[in-house]
Protein backbone atom coordinates (compact mmCIF):
# COMPACT_ATOMS: atom_id res chain seq x y z
CA UNK A 1 -11.37 -4.18 23.59
CA UNK A 2 -10.02 -7.69 23.49
CA UNK A 3 -7.64 -8.82 20.62
CA UNK A 4 -10.21 -11.21 19.12
CA UNK A 5 -12.62 -8.19 18.70
CA UNK A 6 -9.94 -5.95 17.46
CA UNK A 7 -8.95 -8.46 14.84
CA UNK A 8 -12.59 -8.97 13.60
CA UNK A 9 -13.07 -5.24 13.40
CA UNK A 10 -9.78 -4.79 11.39
CA UNK A 11 -10.71 -7.51 9.07
CA UNK A 12 -14.37 -6.07 8.52
CA UNK A 13 -12.79 -2.77 7.96
CA UNK A 14 -10.86 -4.08 4.92
CA UNK A 15 -14.24 -5.23 3.53
CA UNK A 16 -16.24 -1.98 3.82
CA UNK A 17 -18.30 -1.38 0.73
CA UNK A 18 -18.09 2.00 -1.04
CA UNK A 19 -21.66 2.58 0.27
CA UNK A 20 -20.73 1.94 3.88
CA UNK A 21 -17.61 4.23 3.42
CA UNK A 22 -19.92 6.85 2.10
CA UNK A 23 -22.45 6.45 4.95
CA UNK A 24 -19.63 6.86 7.48
CA UNK A 25 -18.10 10.08 5.89
CA UNK A 26 -20.58 12.51 7.44
CA UNK A 27 -19.75 11.27 10.85
CA UNK A 28 -16.09 11.36 10.27
CA UNK A 29 -16.22 14.99 9.06
CA UNK A 30 -18.13 15.94 12.15
CA UNK A 31 -15.29 14.50 14.29
CA UNK A 32 -12.73 16.19 12.25
CA UNK A 33 -14.36 19.55 12.52
CA UNK A 34 -14.76 19.09 16.02
CA UNK A 35 -11.01 18.89 16.58
CA UNK A 36 -8.98 22.15 16.37
CA UNK A 37 -5.21 22.34 16.79
CA UNK A 38 -5.88 24.40 20.00
CA UNK A 39 -7.98 21.57 21.32
CA UNK A 40 -5.36 18.84 20.36
CA UNK A 41 -2.41 20.72 22.00
CA UNK A 42 -4.45 21.10 25.13
CA UNK A 43 -5.08 17.28 25.21
CA UNK A 44 -1.60 16.30 24.33
CA UNK A 45 -0.06 18.71 26.68
CA UNK A 46 -2.46 18.11 29.44
CA UNK A 47 -2.70 21.86 29.82
CA UNK A 48 -4.32 24.74 28.22
CA UNK A 49 -1.24 27.23 28.54
CA UNK A 50 2.30 27.12 29.13
CA UNK A 51 5.57 26.06 27.21
CA UNK A 52 4.38 22.41 26.49
CA UNK A 53 1.02 23.67 25.23
CA UNK A 54 2.78 26.15 22.99
CA UNK A 55 5.25 23.74 21.57
CA UNK A 56 2.29 21.14 20.83
CA UNK A 57 0.31 24.02 19.09
CA UNK A 58 3.20 25.13 17.05
CA UNK A 59 4.16 21.73 15.89
CA UNK A 60 0.45 20.86 15.04
CA UNK A 61 0.19 24.18 13.02
CA UNK A 62 3.47 23.65 11.16
CA UNK A 63 3.54 19.84 10.45
CA UNK A 64 3.01 19.21 6.76
CA UNK A 65 0.13 16.83 5.99
CA UNK A 66 -1.26 16.94 9.51
CA UNK A 67 -4.63 18.11 8.56
CA UNK A 68 -4.96 15.36 5.88
CA UNK A 69 -3.82 12.69 8.15
CA UNK A 70 -6.11 13.88 11.00
CA UNK A 71 -9.10 13.76 8.40
CA UNK A 72 -8.04 10.18 7.35
CA UNK A 73 -7.98 9.12 11.11
CA UNK A 74 -11.16 10.56 11.81
CA UNK A 75 -12.80 8.80 8.89
CA UNK A 76 -11.41 5.59 10.21
CA UNK A 77 -12.63 6.31 13.63
CA UNK A 78 -16.13 6.58 12.25
CA UNK A 79 -15.88 3.47 10.18
CA UNK A 80 -14.75 1.65 13.18
CA UNK A 81 -17.55 2.95 15.35
CA UNK A 82 -19.98 1.94 12.47
CA UNK A 83 -18.60 -1.66 12.43
CA UNK A 84 -18.86 -1.75 16.42
CA UNK A 85 -22.59 -0.67 16.26
CA UNK A 86 -23.23 -3.32 13.46
CA UNK A 87 -21.54 -6.03 15.56
CA UNK A 88 -23.47 -4.98 18.73
CA UNK A 89 -26.63 -5.08 16.64
CA UNK A 90 -25.82 -8.39 15.27
CA UNK A 91 -25.19 -10.14 18.78
CA UNK A 92 -28.26 -8.39 20.29
CA UNK A 93 -30.68 -11.06 21.34
CA UNK A 94 -34.36 -9.99 21.05
CA UNK A 95 -36.38 -10.08 24.22
């Protein structure tokens, strides 16, 4: 994504209405529920076993507030995807 597009999306993100945020909530919750600590540890360690995987998993499971932050991040991801879809639809030229 180029910097201009990134800045446009970040500006639009600040202007989301309550209705738009509520519209995005189920998608964000789906993203959140699809992520488990074991899955994240596997991706972060680039392995599904071994010391690095075990270290990532233990850190994820014992970091206070991680679940809340992860939930907030997945909600923001869904909002950004929503804005990107809206932007794409806006710039789409009818045939």
